[in-house]
C-alpha atoms as a PDB file:
ATOM      1  CA  UNK A   1      70.084  35.863 -26.556  1.00  0.00           C
ATOM      2  CA  UNK A   2      70.458  32.306 -27.387  1.00  0.00           C
ATOM      3  CA  UNK A   3      72.975  31.551 -24.487  1.00  0.00           C
ATOM      4  CA  UNK A   4      70.498  33.462 -22.156  1.00  0.00           C
ATOM      5  CA  UNK A   5      67.340  31.440 -23.628  1.00  0.00           C
ATOM      6  CA  UNK A   6      69.434  27.945 -23.491  1.00  0.00           C
ATOM      7  CA  UNK A   7      70.365  29.001 -19.728  1.00  0.00           C
ATOM      8  CA  UNK A   8      66.695  29.616 -18.953  1.00  0.00           C
ATOM      9  CA  UNK A   9      65.678  26.255 -20.428  1.00  0.00           C
ATOM     10  CA  UNK A  10      68.330  24.470 -18.684  1.00  0.00           C
ATOM     11  CA  UNK A  11      67.326  25.942 -15.288  1.00  0.00           C
ATOM     12  CA  UNK A  12      63.438  25.129 -15.999  1.00  0.00           C
ATOM     13  CA  UNK A  13      64.629  21.403 -16.913  1.00  0.00           C
ATOM     14  CA  UNK A  14      66.798  21.231 -13.684  1.00  0.00           C
ATOM     15  CA  UNK A  15      63.707  22.531 -11.817  1.00  0.00           C
ATOM     16  CA  UNK A  16      61.563  19.847 -13.147  1.00  0.00           C
ATOM     17  CA  UNK A  17      63.737  17.213 -12.290  1.00  0.00           C
ATOM     18  CA  UNK A  18      64.588  18.563  -8.828  1.00  0.00           C
ATOM     19  CA  UNK A  19      60.775  18.561  -8.138  1.00  0.00           C
ATOM     20  CA  UNK A  20      60.389  15.274  -9.346  1.00  0.00           C
ATOM     21  CA  UNK A  21      62.819  13.517  -7.138  1.00  0.00           C
ATOM     22  CA  UNK A  22      62.739  15.754  -4.135  1.00  0.00           C
ATOM     23  CA  UNK A  23      60.300  13.665  -2.127  1.00  0.00           C
ATOM     24  CA  UNK A  24      62.448  10.698  -2.417  1.00  0.00           C
ATOM     25  CA  UNK A  25      65.612  12.675  -1.599  1.00  0.00           C
ATOM     26  CA  UNK A  26      63.638  14.207   1.386  1.00  0.00           C
ATOM     27  CA  UNK A  27      62.861  10.709   2.752  1.00  0.00           C
ATOM     28  CA  UNK A  28      66.427   9.376   2.109  1.00  0.00           C
ATOM     29  CA  UNK A  29      67.893  12.222   4.241  1.00  0.00           C
ATOM     30  CA  UNK A  30      65.010  12.912   6.570  1.00  0.00           C
ATOM     31  CA  UNK A  31      65.261  13.876   9.345  1.00  0.00           C
ATOM     32  CA  UNK A  32      68.118  16.448   9.198  1.00  0.00           C
ATOM     33  CA  UNK A  33      67.037  18.426  12.177  1.00  0.00           C
ATOM     34  CA  UNK A  34      64.708  18.031  15.389  1.00  0.00           C
ATOM     35  CA  UNK A  35      61.212  16.993  14.851  1.00  0.00           C
ATOM     36  CA  UNK A  36      58.352  18.555  17.011  1.00  0.00           C
ATOM     37  CA  UNK A  37      55.943  16.036  18.253  1.00  0.00           C
ATOM     38  CA  UNK A  38      52.788  17.884  19.602  1.00  0.00           C
ATOM     39  CA  UNK A  39      50.653  16.300  22.227  1.00  0.00           C
ATOM     40  CA  UNK A  40      47.562  18.077  23.013  1.00  0.00           C
ATOM     41  CA  UNK A  41      47.392  17.271  26.498  1.00  0.00           C
ATOM     42  CA  UNK A  42      49.502  17.965  29.691  1.00  0.00           C
ATOM     43  CA  UNK A  43      52.473  16.088  30.645  1.00  0.00           C
ATOM     44  CA  UNK A  44      52.406  12.923  32.681  1.00  0.00           C
ATOM     45  CA  UNK A  45      49.317  11.263  31.245  1.00  0.00           C
ATOM     46  CA  UNK A  46      49.012   8.104  28.897  1.00  0.00           C
ATOM     47  CA  UNK A  47      49.032  10.203  25.893  1.00  0.00           C
ATOM     48  CA  UNK A  48      52.168  12.176  26.845  1.00  0.00           C
ATOM     49  CA  UNK A  49      53.932   8.833  28.289  1.00  0.00           C
ATOM     50  CA  UNK A  50      53.059   6.856  25.037  1.00  0.00           C
ATOM     51  CA  UNK A  51      54.514   9.914  22.907  1.00  0.00           C
ATOM     52  CA  UNK A  52      57.671  10.149  24.862  1.00  0.00           C
ATOM     53  CA  UNK A  53      58.306   6.407  24.781  1.00  0.00           C
ATOM     54  CA  UNK A  54      57.890   6.032  20.830  1.00  0.00           C
ATOM     55  CA  UNK A  55      59.796   9.510  20.495  1.00  0.00           C
ATOM     56  CA  UNK A  56      62.861   8.323  22.405  1.00  0.00           C
ATOM     57  CA  UNK A  57      63.012   5.354  20.184  1.00  0.00           C
ATOM     58  CA  UNK A  58      62.770   7.343  17.059  1.00  0.00           C
ATOM     59  CA  UNK A  59      65.348   9.865  18.317  1.00  0.00           C
ATOM     60  CA  UNK A  60      67.691   6.931  18.926  1.00  0.00           C
ATOM     61  CA  UNK A  61      66.837   5.451  15.406  1.00  0.00           C
ATOM     62  CA  UNK A  62      67.271   8.540  13.369  1.00  0.00           C
ATOM     63  CA  UNK A  63      69.954  10.266  15.342  1.00  0.00           C
ATOM     64  CA  UNK A  64      67.864  13.383  15.545  1.00  0.00           C
ATOM     65  CA  UNK A  65      65.604  14.595  18.520  1.00  0.00           C
ATOM     66  CA  UNK A  66      61.957  14.062  18.377  1.00  0.00           C
ATOM     67  CA  UNK A  67      60.841  16.689  20.911  1.00  0.00           C
ATOM     68  CA  UNK A  68      57.681  16.116  22.655  1.00  0.00           C
ATOM     69  CA  UNK A  69      55.750  19.603  23.049  1.00  0.00           C
ATOM     70  CA  UNK A  70      52.690  19.669  25.082  1.00  0.00           C
ATOM     71  CA  UNK A  71      50.071  21.859  23.883  1.00  0.00           C
ATOM     72  CA  UNK A  72      47.230  21.343  26.169  1.00  0.00           C
ATOM     73  CA  UNK A  73      43.755  22.985  26.069  1.00  0.00           C
ATOM     74  CA  UNK A  74      40.218  22.571  24.277  1.00  0.00           C
ATOM     75  CA  UNK A  75      40.377  18.845  24.482  1.00  0.00           C
ATOM     76  CA  UNK A  76      43.307  18.474  22.262  1.00  0.00           C
ATOM     77  CA  UNK A  77      42.117  21.013  19.673  1.00  0.00           C
ATOM     78  CA  UNK A  78      44.742  23.634  20.437  1.00  0.00           C
ATOM     79  CA  UNK A  79      47.658  21.053  19.512  1.00  0.00           C
ATOM     80  CA  UNK A  80      45.602  19.703  16.557  1.00  0.00           C
ATOM     81  CA  UNK A  81      45.322  23.090  15.085  1.00  0.00           C
ATOM     82  CA  UNK A  82      48.943  23.894  15.499  1.00  0.00           C
ATOM     83  CA  UNK A  83      49.815  20.750  13.478  1.00  0.00           C
ATOM     84  CA  UNK A  84      46.911  21.011  10.771  1.00  0.00           C
ATOM     85  CA  UNK A  85      48.543  24.507   9.911  1.00  0.00           C
ATOM     86  CA  UNK A  86      52.076  23.708   9.957  1.00  0.00           C
ATOM     87  CA  UNK A  87      54.444  23.018   7.046  1.00  0.00           C
ATOM     88  CA  UNK A  88      53.899  19.525   5.583  1.00  0.00           C
ATOM     89  CA  UNK A  89      57.603  18.799   5.717  1.00  0.00           C
ATOM     90  CA  UNK A  90      57.491  15.787   8.251  1.00  0.00           C
ATOM     91  CA  UNK A  91      59.033  18.241  11.039  1.00  0.00           C
ATOM     92  CA  UNK A  92      55.849  18.634  12.889  1.00  0.00           C
ATOM     93  CA  UNK A  93      53.784  15.564  14.158  1.00  0.00           C
ATOM     94  CA  UNK A  94      50.888  14.858  16.280  1.00  0.00           C
ATOM     95  CA  UNK A  95      49.940  12.420  18.801  1.00  0.00           C
ATOM     96  CA  UNK A  96      46.242  11.676  17.530  1.00  0.00           C
ATOM     97  CA  UNK A  97      43.873   9.769  19.726  1.00  0.00           C
ATOM     98  CA  UNK A  98      40.248   8.937  20.091  1.00  0.00           C
ATOM     99  CA  UNK A  99      39.168  12.619  21.137  1.00  0.00           C
ATOM    100  CA  UNK A 100      40.261  13.824  17.816  1.00  0.00           C
ATOM    101  CA  UNK A 101      37.479  11.952  16.076  1.00  0.00           C
ATOM    102  CA  UNK A 102      34.914  12.839  18.608  1.00  0.00           C
ATOM    103  CA  UNK A 103      35.732  16.650  18.372  1.00  0.00           C
ATOM    104  CA  UNK A 104      35.047  16.541  14.716  1.00  0.00           C
ATOM    105  CA  UNK A 105      31.420  16.733  15.342  1.00  0.00           C
ATOM    106  CA  UNK A 106      31.361  17.508  19.067  1.00  0.00           C
ATOM    107  CA  UNK A 107      32.500  21.125  18.320  1.00  0.00           C
ATOM    108  CA  UNK A 108      30.593  23.050  15.775  1.00  0.00           C
ATOM    109  CA  UNK A 109      33.297  25.761  14.799  1.00  0.00           C
ATOM    110  CA  UNK A 110      36.838  24.608  14.602  1.00  0.00           C
ATOM    111  CA  UNK A 111      39.515  26.105  12.615  1.00  0.00           C
ATOM    112  CA  UNK A 112      40.338  22.910  11.009  1.00  0.00           C
ATOM    113  CA  UNK A 113      38.902  19.723   9.936  1.00  0.00           C
ATOM    114  CA  UNK A 114      40.556  16.702  11.354  1.00  0.00           C
ATOM    115  CA  UNK A 115      40.270  14.086   8.558  1.00  0.00           C
ATOM    116  CA  UNK A 116      41.039  16.665   5.916  1.00  0.00           C
ATOM    117  CA  UNK A 117      43.802  18.213   7.497  1.00  0.00           C
ATOM    118  CA  UNK A 118      45.760  15.515   9.414  1.00  0.00           C
ATOM    119  CA  UNK A 119      47.245  12.625   7.594  1.00  0.00           C
ATOM    120  CA  UNK A 120      47.604   9.310   9.120  1.00  0.00           C
ATOM    121  CA  UNK A 121      50.985   8.123   9.616  1.00  0.00           C
ATOM    122  CA  UNK A 122      50.823   5.230  12.252  1.00  0.00           C
ATOM    123  CA  UNK A 123      48.926   3.394  14.880  1.00  0.00           C
ATOM    124  CA  UNK A 124      50.524   2.713  18.212  1.00  0.00           C
ATOM    125  CA  UNK A 125      47.819   1.283  20.655  1.00  0.00           C
ATOM    126  CA  UNK A 126      44.270   0.619  21.704  1.00  0.00           C
ATOM    127  CA  UNK A 127      43.474   1.324  25.278  1.00  0.00           C
ATOM    128  CA  UNK A 128      40.418  -0.622  26.622  1.00  0.00           C
ATOM    129  CA  UNK A 129      37.641   1.299  28.757  1.00  0.00           C
ATOM    130  CA  UNK A 130      35.983  -0.524  31.483  1.00  0.00           C
ATOM    131  CA  UNK A 131      32.401  -0.116  32.810  1.00  0.00           C
ATOM    132  CA  UNK A 132      32.837   0.481  36.504  1.00  0.00           C
ATOM    133  CA  UNK A 133      30.573   0.387  39.415  1.00  0.00           C
ATOM    134  CA  UNK A 134      30.831   0.498  43.234  1.00  0.00           C
ATOM    135  CA  UNK A 135      30.879  -2.920  44.702  1.00  0.00           C
ATOM    136  CA  UNK A 136      28.134  -1.925  46.949  1.00  0.00           C
ATOM    137  CA  UNK A 137      25.606  -1.441  44.074  1.00  0.00           C
ATOM    138  CA  UNK A 138      23.290  -4.251  43.426  1.00  0.00           C
ATOM    139  CA  UNK A 139      24.292  -5.276  39.927  1.00  0.00           C
ATOM    140  CA  UNK A 140      27.357  -7.557  39.242  1.00  0.00           C
ATOM    141  CA  UNK A 141      26.930  -8.055  35.726  1.00  0.00           C
ATOM    142  CA  UNK A 142      26.141  -5.978  32.439  1.00  0.00           C
ATOM    143  CA  UNK A 143      22.649  -7.697  32.097  1.00  0.00           C
ATOM    144  CA  UNK A 144      21.946  -7.156  35.804  1.00  0.00           C
ATOM    145  CA  UNK A 145      22.931  -3.386  35.346  1.00  0.00           C
ATOM    146  CA  UNK A 146      20.434  -2.873  32.253  1.00  0.00           C
ATOM    147  CA  UNK A 147      17.764  -4.481  34.155  1.00  0.00           C
ATOM    148  CA  UNK A 148      18.110  -2.544  37.085  1.00  0.00           C
ATOM    149  CA  UNK A 149      18.282   0.607  35.095  1.00  0.00           C
ATOM    150  CA  UNK A 150      15.306   0.047  33.032  1.00  0.00           C
ATOM    151  CA  UNK A 151      13.234  -0.750  36.517  1.00  0.00           C
ATOM    152  CA  UNK A 152      14.409   2.511  37.828  1.00  0.00           C
ATOM    153  CA  UNK A 153      14.273   5.073  35.231  1.00  0.00           C
ATOM    154  CA  UNK A 154      16.190   8.203  35.924  1.00  0.00           C
ATOM    155  CA  UNK A 155      17.767   7.205  39.063  1.00  0.00           C
ATOM    156  CA  UNK A 156      21.285   6.104  38.026  1.00  0.00           C
ATOM    157  CA  UNK A 157      23.909   8.641  37.285  1.00  0.00           C
ATOM    158  CA  UNK A 158      27.226   8.209  35.181  1.00  0.00           C
ATOM    159  CA  UNK A 159      30.513   9.883  35.975  1.00  0.00           C
ATOM    160  CA  UNK A 160      32.987  11.136  33.378  1.00  0.00           C
ATOM    161  CA  UNK A 161      35.942  13.319  33.167  1.00  0.00           C
ATOM    162  CA  UNK A 162      34.100  15.727  31.142  1.00  0.00           C
ATOM    163  CA  UNK A 163      31.494  16.280  28.428  1.00  0.00           C
ATOM    164  CA  UNK A 164      32.480  14.808  25.045  1.00  0.00           C
ATOM    165  CA  UNK A 165      35.636  12.912  26.473  1.00  0.00           C
ATOM    166  CA  UNK A 166      35.923   9.317  25.127  1.00  0.00           C
ATOM    167  CA  UNK A 167      34.900   8.047  28.586  1.00  0.00           C
ATOM    168  CA  UNK A 168      31.607  10.109  28.232  1.00  0.00           C
ATOM    169  CA  UNK A 169      30.745   8.975  24.636  1.00  0.00           C
ATOM    170  CA  UNK A 170      31.516   5.405  25.687  1.00  0.00           C
ATOM    171  CA  UNK A 171      28.690   5.711  28.134  1.00  0.00           C
ATOM    172  CA  UNK A 172      26.347   7.405  25.585  1.00  0.00           C
ATOM    173  CA  UNK A 173      27.190   4.523  23.225  1.00  0.00           C
ATOM    174  CA  UNK A 174      26.015   2.020  25.879  1.00  0.00           C
ATOM    175  CA  UNK A 175      22.732   4.318  26.416  1.00  0.00           C
ATOM    176  CA  UNK A 176      22.077   4.495  22.858  1.00  0.00           C
ATOM    177  CA  UNK A 177      22.503   0.545  22.114  1.00  0.00           C
ATOM    178  CA  UNK A 178      20.647  -0.583  25.264  1.00  0.00           C
ATOM    179  CA  UNK A 179      18.034   2.216  25.548  1.00  0.00           C
ATOM    180  CA  UNK A 180      18.731   2.843  29.213  1.00  0.00           C
ATOM    181  CA  UNK A 181      18.583   6.107  30.970  1.00  0.00           C
ATOM    182  CA  UNK A 182      21.455   7.431  32.995  1.00  0.00           C
ATOM    183  CA  UNK A 183      22.126  11.032  34.169  1.00  0.00           C
ATOM    184  CA  UNK A 184      25.628  12.128  33.007  1.00  0.00           C
ATOM    185  CA  UNK A 185      27.782  13.906  35.763  1.00  0.00           C
ATOM    186  CA  UNK A 186      30.823  15.595  34.265  1.00  0.00           C
ATOM    187  CA  UNK A 187      33.900  16.068  36.472  1.00  0.00           C
ATOM    188  CA  UNK A 188      37.447  17.816  35.792  1.00  0.00           C
ATOM    189  CA  UNK A 189      39.252  14.681  34.951  1.00  0.00           C
ATOM    190  CA  UNK A 190      39.229  11.113  35.970  1.00  0.00           C
ATOM    191  CA  UNK A 191      40.545  11.324  39.385  1.00  0.00           C
ATOM    192  CA  UNK A 192      37.896  13.187  41.078  1.00  0.00           C
ATOM    193  CA  UNK A 193      35.264  11.029  38.987  1.00  0.00           C
ATOM    194  CA  UNK A 194      36.607   7.827  40.219  1.00  0.00           C
ATOM    195  CA  UNK A 195      37.026   9.292  43.747  1.00  0.00           C
ATOM    196  CA  UNK A 196      33.153   9.889  43.792  1.00  0.00           C
ATOM    197  CA  UNK A 197      32.650   6.541  42.330  1.00  0.00           C
ATOM    198  CA  UNK A 198      34.589   4.761  45.132  1.00  0.00           C
ATOM    199  CA  UNK A 199      32.861   6.881  47.561  1.00  0.00           C
ATOM    200  CA  UNK A 200      29.462   5.828  46.232  1.00  0.00           C
ATOM    201  CA  UNK A 201      28.187   9.539  45.071  1.00  0.00           C
ATOM    202  CA  UNK A 202      27.824   8.156  41.605  1.00  0.00           C
ATOM    203  CA  UNK A 203      26.705   4.639  40.317  1.00  0.00           C
ATOM    204  CA  UNK A 204      28.738   4.030  37.210  1.00  0.00           C
ATOM    205  CA  UNK A 205      31.690   5.316  35.246  1.00  0.00           C
ATOM    206  CA  UNK A 206      33.590   4.262  31.903  1.00  0.00           C
ATOM    207  CA  UNK A 207      37.283   4.859  32.368  1.00  0.00           C
ATOM    208  CA  UNK A 208      40.541   3.201  30.911  1.00  0.00           C
ATOM    209  CA  UNK A 209      42.432   0.395  32.493  1.00  0.00           C
ATOM    210  CA  UNK A 210      45.452   2.817  32.919  1.00  0.00           C
ATOM    211  CA  UNK A 211      43.354   5.187  35.261  1.00  0.00           C
ATOM    212  CA  UNK A 212      41.375   2.438  37.156  1.00  0.00           C
ATOM    213  CA  UNK A 213      42.923  -1.095  37.081  1.00  0.00           C
ATOM    214  CA  UNK A 214      44.510  -0.707  40.471  1.00  0.00           C
ATOM    215  CA  UNK A 215      41.194   0.160  42.115  1.00  0.00           C
ATOM    216  CA  UNK A 216      39.572  -2.977  40.502  1.00  0.00           C
ATOM    217  CA  UNK A 217      42.505  -5.066  41.557  1.00  0.00           C
ATOM    218  CA  UNK A 218      42.077  -3.809  45.151  1.00  0.00           C
ATOM    219  CA  UNK A 219      38.343  -4.392  45.214  1.00  0.00           C
ATOM    220  CA  UNK A 220      37.462  -0.699  45.413  1.00  0.00           C
ATOM    221  CA  UNK A 221      35.737  -0.789  42.249  1.00  0.00           C
ATOM    222  CA  UNK A 222      34.009  -3.413  40.202  1.00  0.00           C
ATOM    223  CA  UNK A 223      34.444  -3.894  36.487  1.00  0.00           C
ATOM    224  CA  UNK A 224      31.495  -5.113  34.659  1.00  0.00           C
ATOM    225  CA  UNK A 225      33.084  -5.268  31.298  1.00  0.00           C
ATOM    226  CA  UNK A 226      35.846  -4.027  29.014  1.00  0.00           C
ATOM    227  CA  UNK A 227      34.832  -2.202  26.035  1.00  0.00           C
ATOM    228  CA  UNK A 228      37.180  -3.742  23.429  1.00  0.00           C
ATOM    229  CA  UNK A 229      36.338  -6.482  21.196  1.00  0.00           C
ATOM    230  CA  UNK A 230      38.681  -8.985  22.957  1.00  0.00           C
ATOM    231  CA  UNK A 231      39.308  -9.487  26.601  1.00  0.00           C
ATOM    232  CA  UNK A 232      42.185  -7.606  28.338  1.00  0.00           C
ATOM    233  CA  UNK A 233      45.203  -9.664  29.065  1.00  0.00           C
ATOM    234  CA  UNK A 234      45.495  -7.520  32.247  1.00  0.00           C
ATOM    235  CA  UNK A 235      42.016  -8.528  33.382  1.00  0.00           C
ATOM    236  CA  UNK A 236      41.270 -11.862  31.697  1.00  0.00           C
ATOM    237  CA  UNK A 237      38.204 -12.579  33.979  1.00  0.00           C
ATOM    238  CA  UNK A 238      36.380  -9.423  33.046  1.00  0.00           C
ATOM    239  CA  UNK A 239      34.138 -10.240  29.815  1.00  0.00           C
ATOM    240  CA  UNK A 240      33.769  -7.888  27.200  1.00  0.00           C
ATOM    241  CA  UNK A 241      30.675  -5.612  26.413  1.00  0.00           C
ATOM    242  CA  UNK A 242      30.099  -7.265  23.254  1.00  0.00           C
ATOM    243  CA  UNK A 243      29.395 -10.400  25.035  1.00  0.00           C
ATOM    244  CA  UNK A 244      25.963  -8.723  26.199  1.00  0.00           C
ATOM    245  CA  UNK A 245      25.685  -5.950  23.535  1.00  0.00           C
ATOM    246  CA  UNK A 246      26.617  -7.444  20.153  1.00  0.00           C
ATOM    247  CA  UNK A 247      28.657  -4.761  18.011  1.00  0.00           C
ATOM    248  CA  UNK A 248      29.592  -2.515  21.169  1.00  0.00           C
ATOM    249  CA  UNK A 249      33.070  -1.276  21.012  1.00  0.00           C
ATOM    250  CA  UNK A 250      34.651   1.897  22.317  1.00  0.00           C
ATOM    251  CA  UNK A 251      38.376   2.255  22.749  1.00  0.00           C
ATOM    252  CA  UNK A 252      41.011   4.710  23.847  1.00  0.00           C
ATOM    253  CA  UNK A 253      43.548   4.839  21.062  1.00  0.00           C
ATOM    254  CA  UNK A 254      46.726   6.566  20.131  1.00  0.00           C
ATOM    255  CA  UNK A 255      48.769   7.171  16.892  1.00  0.00           C
ATOM    256  CA  UNK A 256      50.704   9.549  14.805  1.00  0.00           C
ATOM    257  CA  UNK A 257      49.511  12.105  12.391  1.00  0.00           C
ATOM    258  CA  UNK A 258      51.136  14.825  10.304  1.00  0.00           C
ATOM    259  CA  UNK A 259      49.637  17.792   8.416  1.00  0.00           C
ATOM    260  CA  UNK A 260      47.901  17.118   4.972  1.00  0.00           C
ATOM    261  CA  UNK A 261      50.274  17.011   1.957  1.00  0.00           C
ATOM    262  CA  UNK A 262      53.308  15.707   3.872  1.00  0.00           C
ATOM    263  CA  UNK A 263      55.318  13.692   1.267  1.00  0.00           C
ATOM    264  CA  UNK A 264      54.255  10.114   1.111  1.00  0.00           C
ATOM    265  CA  UNK A 265      57.792   8.844   1.234  1.00  0.00           C
ATOM    266  CA  UNK A 266      58.274  10.437   4.647  1.00  0.00           C
ATOM    267  CA  UNK A 267      55.095   9.270   6.091  1.00  0.00           C
ATOM    268  CA  UNK A 268      56.019   5.501   4.851  1.00  0.00           C
ATOM    269  CA  UNK A 269      59.582   5.946   6.384  1.00  0.00           C
ATOM    270  CA  UNK A 270      58.023   7.043   9.644  1.00  0.00           C
ATOM    271  CA  UNK A 271      55.463   4.260   9.683  1.00  0.00           C
ATOM    272  CA  UNK A 272      58.259   1.653   9.002  1.00  0.00           C
ATOM    273  CA  UNK A 273      60.237   3.042  12.070  1.00  0.00           C
ATOM    274  CA  UNK A 274      57.211   3.382  14.359  1.00  0.00           C
ATOM    275  CA  UNK A 275      56.305  -0.314  13.596  1.00  0.00           C
ATOM    276  CA  UNK A 276      59.708  -1.368  14.287  1.00  0.00           C
ATOM    277  CA  UNK A 277      59.507   0.381  17.681  1.00  0.00           C
ATOM    278  CA  UNK A 278      56.204  -1.649  18.285  1.00  0.00           C
ATOM    279  CA  UNK A 279      57.979  -4.833  17.565  1.00  0.00           C
ATOM    280  CA  UNK A 280      60.532  -4.137  19.980  1.00  0.00           C
ATOM    281  CA  UNK A 281      60.252  -6.079  23.399  1.00  0.00           C
ATOM    282  CA  UNK A 282      61.153  -3.371  25.767  1.00  0.00           C
ATOM    283  CA  UNK A 283      58.850  -0.864  24.056  1.00  0.00           C
ATOM    284  CA  UNK A 284      55.873  -3.370  24.225  1.00  0.00           C
ATOM    285  CA  UNK A 285      56.713  -4.157  28.082  1.00  0.00           C
ATOM    286  CA  UNK A 286      56.171  -0.425  28.757  1.00  0.00           C
ATOM    287  CA  UNK A 287      53.032  -0.119  26.451  1.00  0.00           C
ATOM    288  CA  UNK A 288      51.516  -3.323  28.232  1.00  0.00           C
ATOM    289  CA  UNK A 289      52.206  -1.752  31.632  1.00  0.00           C
ATOM    290  CA  UNK A 290      49.867   0.838  30.542  1.00  0.00           C
ATOM    291  CA  UNK A 291      46.996  -1.872  29.971  1.00  0.00           C
ATOM    292  CA  UNK A 292      47.482  -1.096  26.174  1.00  0.00           C
ATOM    293  CA  UNK A 293      47.315  -3.329  23.198  1.00  0.00           C
ATOM    294  CA  UNK A 294      49.769  -2.708  20.324  1.00  0.00           C
ATOM    295  CA  UNK A 295      48.234  -2.274  16.923  1.00  0.00           C
ATOM    296  CA  UNK A 296      50.652  -1.772  14.244  1.00  0.00           C
ATOM    297  CA  UNK A 297      49.763  -1.209  10.561  1.00  0.00           C
ATOM    298  CA  UNK A 298      49.887   0.791   7.362  1.00  0.00           C
ATOM    299  CA  UNK A 299      49.106   4.540   7.025  1.00  0.00           C
ATOM    300  CA  UNK A 300      46.138   3.592   4.782  1.00  0.00           C
ATOM    301  CA  UNK A 301      44.992   1.222   7.422  1.00  0.00           C
ATOM    302  CA  UNK A 302      45.145   3.815  10.199  1.00  0.00           C
ATOM    303  CA  UNK A 303      43.230   6.298   7.872  1.00  0.00           C
ATOM    304  CA  UNK A 304      40.604   3.969   7.365  1.00  0.00           C
ATOM    305  CA  UNK A 305      40.117   3.490  11.176  1.00  0.00           C
ATOM    306  CA  UNK A 306      40.150   7.158  11.874  1.00  0.00           C
ATOM    307  CA  UNK A 307      37.373   7.677   9.343  1.00  0.00           C
ATOM    308  CA  UNK A 308      35.421   4.896  10.883  1.00  0.00           C
ATOM    309  CA  UNK A 309      35.729   6.259  14.444  1.00  0.00           C
ATOM    310  CA  UNK A 310      34.705   9.685  13.180  1.00  0.00           C
ATOM    311  CA  UNK A 311      31.522   8.467  11.615  1.00  0.00           C
ATOM    312  CA  UNK A 312      30.573   6.355  14.506  1.00  0.00           C
ATOM    313  CA  UNK A 313      31.049   9.093  17.087  1.00  0.00           C
ATOM    314  CA  UNK A 314      29.341  11.437  15.212  1.00  0.00           C
ATOM    315  CA  UNK A 315      26.289   9.292  15.265  1.00  0.00           C
ATOM    316  CA  UNK A 316      26.667   9.190  19.171  1.00  0.00           C
ATOM    317  CA  UNK A 317      26.929  13.051  19.432  1.00  0.00           C
ATOM    318  CA  UNK A 318      23.929  13.194  17.531  1.00  0.00           C
ATOM    319  CA  UNK A 319      22.073  10.832  19.617  1.00  0.00           C
ATOM    320  CA  UNK A 320      23.065  12.202  22.907  1.00  0.00           C
ATOM    321  CA  UNK A 321      22.686  16.027  21.916  1.00  0.00           C
ATOM    322  CA  UNK A 322      25.945  16.708  23.648  1.00  0.00           C
ATOM    323  CA  UNK A 323      27.246  20.383  23.069  1.00  0.00           C
ATOM    324  CA  UNK A 324      30.751  21.771  23.807  1.00  0.00           C
ATOM    325  CA  UNK A 325      30.539  24.563  26.357  1.00  0.00           C
END
């Protein structure tokens, strides 16, 4: 009986020691098998390209495949829910973006809460949006646009790739901060929206440099401003929106998230390697080609940014009255 009791106590002590060191042990050996990286959008877009670029670096660095898995649908919510409910072991990651912070309040009923259920791992890039018009319109600057809109209430329309997209809420933030009226015209994607803007069927749109920069360079569209705090290196002559509307900022952005309760040691290890990728000249060149600005940092810094974005877009969603269909 004493031997049995001693054996039981030894097993208990071993379990306590094992549980105490296991997160560090996981981090030292992680990853020992392929890692799934969920992208909540179709292949070929900027989100997918970004994930594949960083995923290739991590695969080579760790010697284990980081497999990009596209789970498109419901504005990224299908992929996000999959990761939110996955085991918190570092083997399921999420490509997080601005849409996640908008969806938190845009959708009234979700089976997860983004800030609660997804842990920040690393920021990757910020992508400027541009305020775009057709060159035939009578306004060449943001102040001229605002003046025209206030003199012609209800006559200007704004295209977007869809209700609740970062492009749409960037326009709604503009309306909220300038008190101008624009009729929202949602499309199914950037391409048809920009096609109609080029054709003159709509007056203005907010879209990414990735999607629209060649139209601006060719003169098919006019960029009134970029929506980031700093000018875009790709379009240095285009002013920032904050030059005319102090405090305005709306960016597309990409980063990495993991299920809540993922061990901090694994998150820190991933963060270090992703930041190393962002410091690599070849990786940066590919991201620059997307019109993106690399933003490295700690998990805590990225978590703070995601919280601030969620709070900002909650105010815009409430102001606009937009509803998910």
